[in-house]
Amino acid sequence: MYKDIYFITGVPTNKTISSATADVKYQISFKQLITRNTLLWDTHLFFTYSQKAFWNIYEESSPFTEINFNPSVGLGKVFYNKKDELVGIGSIALEHESNGRDSIYSRSWNNIHAVYNTKITPKTIIGVKAWVPFMHKEGNPNLLDYIGLGELTISSKFMKDKLHLEMMFRKGVKWDFKGAIRSRLYYSTSKKSNQYFMLEWFNGYAESLIDYRKYTSMIRVGYVIKSSSLNFFNW
């Protein structure tokens, strides 16, 4: 697994609730090592693929609003201190994201990004992702005004490892309030399972590519298989 795999449904908090405004959002995601042998500087080569869909399941004919396709290829590395204790997990990757559509509905962008995750308390991990975009101005010329140049994620565990809270923050490049905050609350009935119930609130811009300029406030709940990519920290 790479990112969380989930199936959640919900309603807006900033507009009238109806079959046209309620929806389902789901995501599938995986990561595959291309080689298990370490490369230069003890790195490993990997490929990832994620697909996120927005489904107006409550409308007649249940149309999909958008499907976002998101592959990447990169190099990952685990960092240790002088005592051989794990201090961080990082990667550098080439990433593409698009909605697979044409004409005025086409949205896509590419970036080279760096990611670093580290534990800041026994129960809290902080992650930073920064990107350099390219070939992104056709179809969405002002995308960076809404997604910025990076994001910050903070994840914490509570209640004997059964309750997780995750917060993601993004800020557009302009001096205004465009950006996004995504809050996720995970609850599992078992400490040994990676299956959770998830409550998510997305508040801001660019939840989907097709409507990246549109302010969104959606609260959704559902089922998630949580990514184990940070379990190396044994937090």
Protein backbone atom coordinates (compact mmCIF):
# COMPACT_ATOMS: atom_id res chain seq x y z
CA MET A 1 0.00 0.00 0.00
CA TYR A 2 1.02 3.60 -0.62
CA LYS A 3 -1.77 6.00 0.36
CA ASP A 4 -4.91 5.06 2.27
CA ILE A 5 -7.45 2.92 0.41
CA TYR A 6 -10.94 4.12 1.31
CA PHE A 7 -14.61 4.35 0.42
CA ILE A 8 -16.35 7.27 2.11
CA THR A 9 -19.58 9.20 1.60
CA GLY A 10 -20.78 12.54 2.84
CA VAL A 11 -22.42 15.90 2.44
CA PRO A 12 -21.37 19.56 2.11
CA THR A 13 -21.33 21.90 5.09
CA ASN A 14 -21.45 25.11 3.03
CA LYS A 15 -24.49 24.47 0.83
CA THR A 16 -27.88 22.77 0.79
CA ILE A 17 -27.71 18.99 1.18
CA SER A 18 -29.33 17.15 -1.73
CA SER A 19 -28.78 14.19 -4.05
CA ALA A 20 -26.76 16.54 -6.26
CA THR A 21 -24.40 17.77 -3.51
CA ALA A 22 -23.90 14.55 -1.51
CA ASP A 23 -21.39 12.13 -2.98
CA VAL A 24 -19.00 9.22 -2.56
CA LYS A 25 -15.22 9.57 -2.69
CA TYR A 26 -12.97 6.55 -2.95
CA GLN A 27 -9.30 5.86 -3.50
CA ILE A 28 -7.10 2.92 -4.41
CA SER A 29 -3.32 3.11 -4.10
CA PHE A 30 -0.26 0.88 -4.17
CA LYS A 31 3.53 1.08 -4.13
CA GLN A 32 5.82 -1.45 -5.79
CA LEU A 33 9.56 -1.82 -5.33
CA ILE A 34 11.17 -2.07 -8.76
CA THR A 35 14.31 -3.60 -7.25
CA ARG A 36 14.87 -4.99 -3.78
CA ASN A 37 18.61 -4.37 -4.02
CA THR A 38 19.67 -1.02 -2.65
CA LEU A 39 21.14 1.48 -5.08
CA LEU A 40 23.55 4.39 -4.65
CA TRP A 41 23.42 5.96 -1.15
CA ASP A 42 21.29 3.02 0.10
CA THR A 43 18.24 4.11 -1.85
CA HIS A 44 15.55 1.92 -3.41
CA LEU A 45 13.67 2.48 -6.66
CA PHE A 46 9.87 2.35 -6.52
CA PHE A 47 6.72 2.93 -8.55
CA THR A 48 3.39 4.14 -7.16
CA TYR A 49 -0.10 4.46 -8.52
CA SER A 50 -3.14 6.09 -6.93
CA GLN A 51 -6.62 6.66 -8.31
CA LYS A 52 -9.16 8.91 -6.62
CA ALA A 53 -12.79 9.17 -7.75
CA PHE A 54 -15.69 11.49 -6.96
CA TRP A 55 -18.98 9.71 -7.57
CA ASN A 56 -22.42 11.39 -7.52
CA ILE A 57 -23.99 8.09 -6.54
CA TYR A 58 -27.21 9.66 -5.20
CA GLU A 59 -28.12 11.34 -8.49
CA GLU A 60 -30.11 9.68 -11.25
CA SER A 61 -27.77 7.47 -13.36
CA SER A 62 -25.07 7.94 -10.66
CA PRO A 63 -22.47 9.81 -12.76
CA PHE A 64 -18.81 10.24 -11.85
CA THR A 65 -17.83 13.87 -11.37
CA GLU A 66 -14.15 13.09 -11.89
CA ILE A 67 -11.49 10.41 -11.64
CA ASN A 68 -7.92 11.50 -10.91
CA PHE A 69 -5.02 9.29 -12.06
CA ASN A 70 -1.77 9.70 -10.14
CA PRO A 71 1.36 7.62 -10.95
CA SER A 72 4.92 8.34 -9.81
CA VAL A 73 8.38 6.82 -9.89
CA GLY A 74 11.09 7.67 -7.41
CA LEU A 75 13.91 6.84 -5.02
CA GLY A 76 13.31 6.23 -1.31
CA LYS A 77 15.72 6.17 1.61
CA VAL A 78 15.58 5.41 5.32
CA PHE A 79 17.68 7.65 7.59
CA TYR A 80 19.42 6.56 10.80
CA ASN A 81 21.42 8.39 13.45
CA LYS A 82 24.86 7.36 14.74
CA LYS A 83 23.20 4.86 17.11
CA ASP A 84 21.49 3.14 14.15
CA GLU A 85 18.13 4.43 15.34
CA LEU A 86 15.52 5.33 12.73
CA VAL A 87 15.11 9.10 12.45
CA GLY A 88 13.35 9.62 9.13
CA ILE A 89 11.96 8.24 5.88
CA GLY A 90 12.41 10.26 2.71
CA SER A 91 11.96 10.07 -1.05
CA ILE A 92 12.39 12.01 -4.27
CA ALA A 93 10.00 11.26 -7.12
CA LEU A 94 8.65 12.28 -10.51
CA GLU A 95 4.85 12.51 -10.30
CA HIS A 96 2.00 13.00 -12.75
CA GLU A 97 -1.66 13.69 -11.98
CA SER A 98 -4.48 14.09 -14.48
CA ASN A 99 -8.20 13.52 -14.90
CA GLY A 100 -7.90 11.77 -18.26
CA ARG A 101 -10.27 14.15 -20.02
CA ASP A 102 -9.87 16.41 -23.05
CA SER A 103 -10.95 19.81 -24.30
CA ILE A 104 -11.91 22.39 -21.67
CA TYR A 105 -12.32 19.65 -19.05
CA SER A 106 -8.71 18.48 -19.25
CA ARG A 107 -6.67 18.94 -16.06
CA SER A 108 -3.14 17.69 -15.47
CA TRP A 109 0.11 18.65 -13.85
CA ASN A 110 3.57 17.18 -13.25
CA ASN A 111 6.10 17.71 -10.51
CA ILE A 112 9.36 16.59 -9.02
CA HIS A 113 8.90 16.37 -5.28
CA ALA A 114 10.71 15.52 -2.08
CA VAL A 115 9.03 13.96 0.97
CA TYR A 116 10.40 13.57 4.50
CA ASN A 117 8.65 12.00 7.51
CA THR A 118 10.00 11.97 11.05
CA LYS A 119 8.72 11.29 14.56
CA ILE A 120 8.54 14.38 16.78
CA THR A 121 6.97 12.71 19.85
CA PRO A 122 6.42 9.02 20.75
CA LYS A 123 2.91 9.23 19.25
CA THR A 124 3.26 11.95 16.59
CA ILE A 125 4.78 11.95 13.11
CA ILE A 126 5.22 15.02 10.92
CA GLY A 127 5.58 14.84 7.14
CA VAL A 128 6.67 17.53 4.68
CA LYS A 129 6.20 17.31 0.91
CA ALA A 130 7.56 20.03 -1.39
CA TRP A 131 7.25 20.06 -5.17
CA VAL A 132 8.65 21.81 -8.24
CA PRO A 133 5.85 21.78 -10.86
CA PHE A 134 6.26 21.70 -14.63
CA MET A 135 3.96 21.35 -17.66
CA HIS A 136 1.02 22.46 -15.51
CA LYS A 137 -0.19 25.71 -17.10
CA GLU A 138 -2.24 24.26 -19.96
CA GLY A 139 -5.78 23.66 -18.67
CA ASN A 140 -5.04 24.97 -15.17
CA PRO A 141 -2.67 27.96 -15.49
CA ASN A 142 -3.24 29.25 -11.96
CA LEU A 143 -3.20 25.88 -10.18
CA LEU A 144 -0.37 26.94 -7.84
CA ASP A 145 -2.55 29.76 -6.52
CA TYR A 146 -4.65 27.01 -4.92
CA ILE A 147 -2.24 24.15 -4.12
CA GLY A 148 0.96 26.07 -3.41
CA LEU A 149 4.39 24.48 -3.48
CA GLY A 150 3.98 21.86 -0.79
CA GLU A 151 1.99 20.42 2.09
CA LEU A 152 2.43 19.58 5.76
CA THR A 153 0.89 16.52 7.41
CA ILE A 154 0.74 15.78 11.15
CA SER A 155 -0.40 12.36 12.41
CA SER A 156 -1.01 11.39 16.07
CA LYS A 157 -2.24 8.31 17.93
CA PHE A 158 -4.60 8.30 20.91
CA MET A 159 -6.61 5.82 23.01
CA LYS A 160 -4.12 2.92 23.10
CA ASP A 161 -3.45 3.15 19.36
CA LYS A 162 -7.12 2.78 18.40
CA LEU A 163 -7.73 6.43 17.54
CA HIS A 164 -5.65 8.38 15.00
CA LEU A 165 -5.87 12.04 14.05
CA GLU A 166 -4.30 13.32 10.84
CA MET A 167 -4.17 16.93 9.66
CA MET A 168 -2.98 18.07 6.22
CA PHE A 169 -2.30 21.72 5.37
CA ARG A 170 -1.70 23.43 2.00
CA LYS A 171 -1.37 27.12 1.15
CA GLY A 172 -1.53 28.72 -2.31
CA VAL A 173 1.34 30.89 -3.51
CA LYS A 174 -0.61 34.16 -3.30
CA TRP A 175 -1.24 36.29 -0.21
CA ASP A 176 -4.85 35.25 0.22
CA PHE A 177 -6.80 32.50 1.98
CA LYS A 178 -6.69 29.94 -0.81
CA GLY A 179 -5.37 26.56 0.26
CA ALA A 180 -6.81 23.57 2.09
CA ILE A 181 -7.08 21.83 5.44
CA ARG A 182 -7.99 18.16 5.51
CA SER A 183 -8.79 16.53 8.86
CA ARG A 184 -9.10 12.77 9.26
CA LEU A 185 -10.13 10.87 12.38
CA TYR A 186 -9.53 7.11 12.28
CA TYR A 187 -10.98 4.57 14.71
CA SER A 188 -10.28 0.84 14.87
CA THR A 189 -11.74 -1.78 17.20
CA SER A 190 -8.41 -3.63 17.17
CA LYS A 191 -4.84 -2.43 17.63
CA LYS A 192 -3.58 -5.17 15.30
CA SER A 193 -5.79 -4.28 12.33
CA ASN A 194 -5.15 -1.77 9.55
CA GLN A 195 -8.91 -1.46 8.89
CA TYR A 196 -10.58 1.63 10.29
CA PHE A 197 -13.69 3.75 10.26
CA MET A 198 -12.75 7.22 9.05
CA LEU A 199 -14.35 10.63 9.47
CA GLU A 200 -12.93 13.19 7.02
CA TRP A 201 -13.50 16.91 6.68
CA PHE A 202 -12.01 18.65 3.64
CA ASN A 203 -12.14 22.43 3.77
CA GLY A 204 -10.58 24.51 0.99
CA TYR A 205 -9.62 24.31 -2.66
CA ALA A 206 -8.35 21.70 -5.14
CA GLU A 207 -9.86 18.59 -3.62
CA SER A 208 -10.37 17.51 -7.24
CA LEU A 209 -8.63 18.76 -10.37
CA ILE A 210 -11.77 19.62 -12.32
CA ASP A 211 -12.96 22.02 -9.60
CA TYR A 212 -9.63 23.20 -8.19
CA ARG A 213 -10.82 26.83 -8.20
CA LYS A 214 -14.02 25.94 -6.35
CA TYR A 215 -14.22 26.24 -2.56
CA THR A 216 -15.24 22.91 -1.01
CA SER A 217 -16.34 21.98 2.49
CA MET A 218 -17.27 18.29 2.63
CA ILE A 219 -17.62 15.99 5.62
CA ARG A 220 -17.56 12.28 4.83
CA VAL A 221 -17.46 9.00 6.74
CA GLY A 222 -16.69 5.45 5.72
CA TYR A 223 -14.28 2.53 5.59
CA VAL A 224 -10.52 2.77 5.15
CA ILE A 225 -7.59 0.39 4.89
CA LYS A 226 -4.87 2.55 6.37
CA SER A 227 -1.47 2.76 4.76
CA SER A 228 1.34 1.12 6.72
CA SER A 229 4.07 3.25 5.11
CA LEU A 230 4.91 4.94 8.42
CA ASN A 231 4.84 1.78 10.56
CA PHE A 232 8.65 1.64 10.40
CA PHE A 233 8.57 4.15 13.25
CA ASN A 234 6.64 1.62 15.44
CA TRP A 235 4.69 4.57 16.80
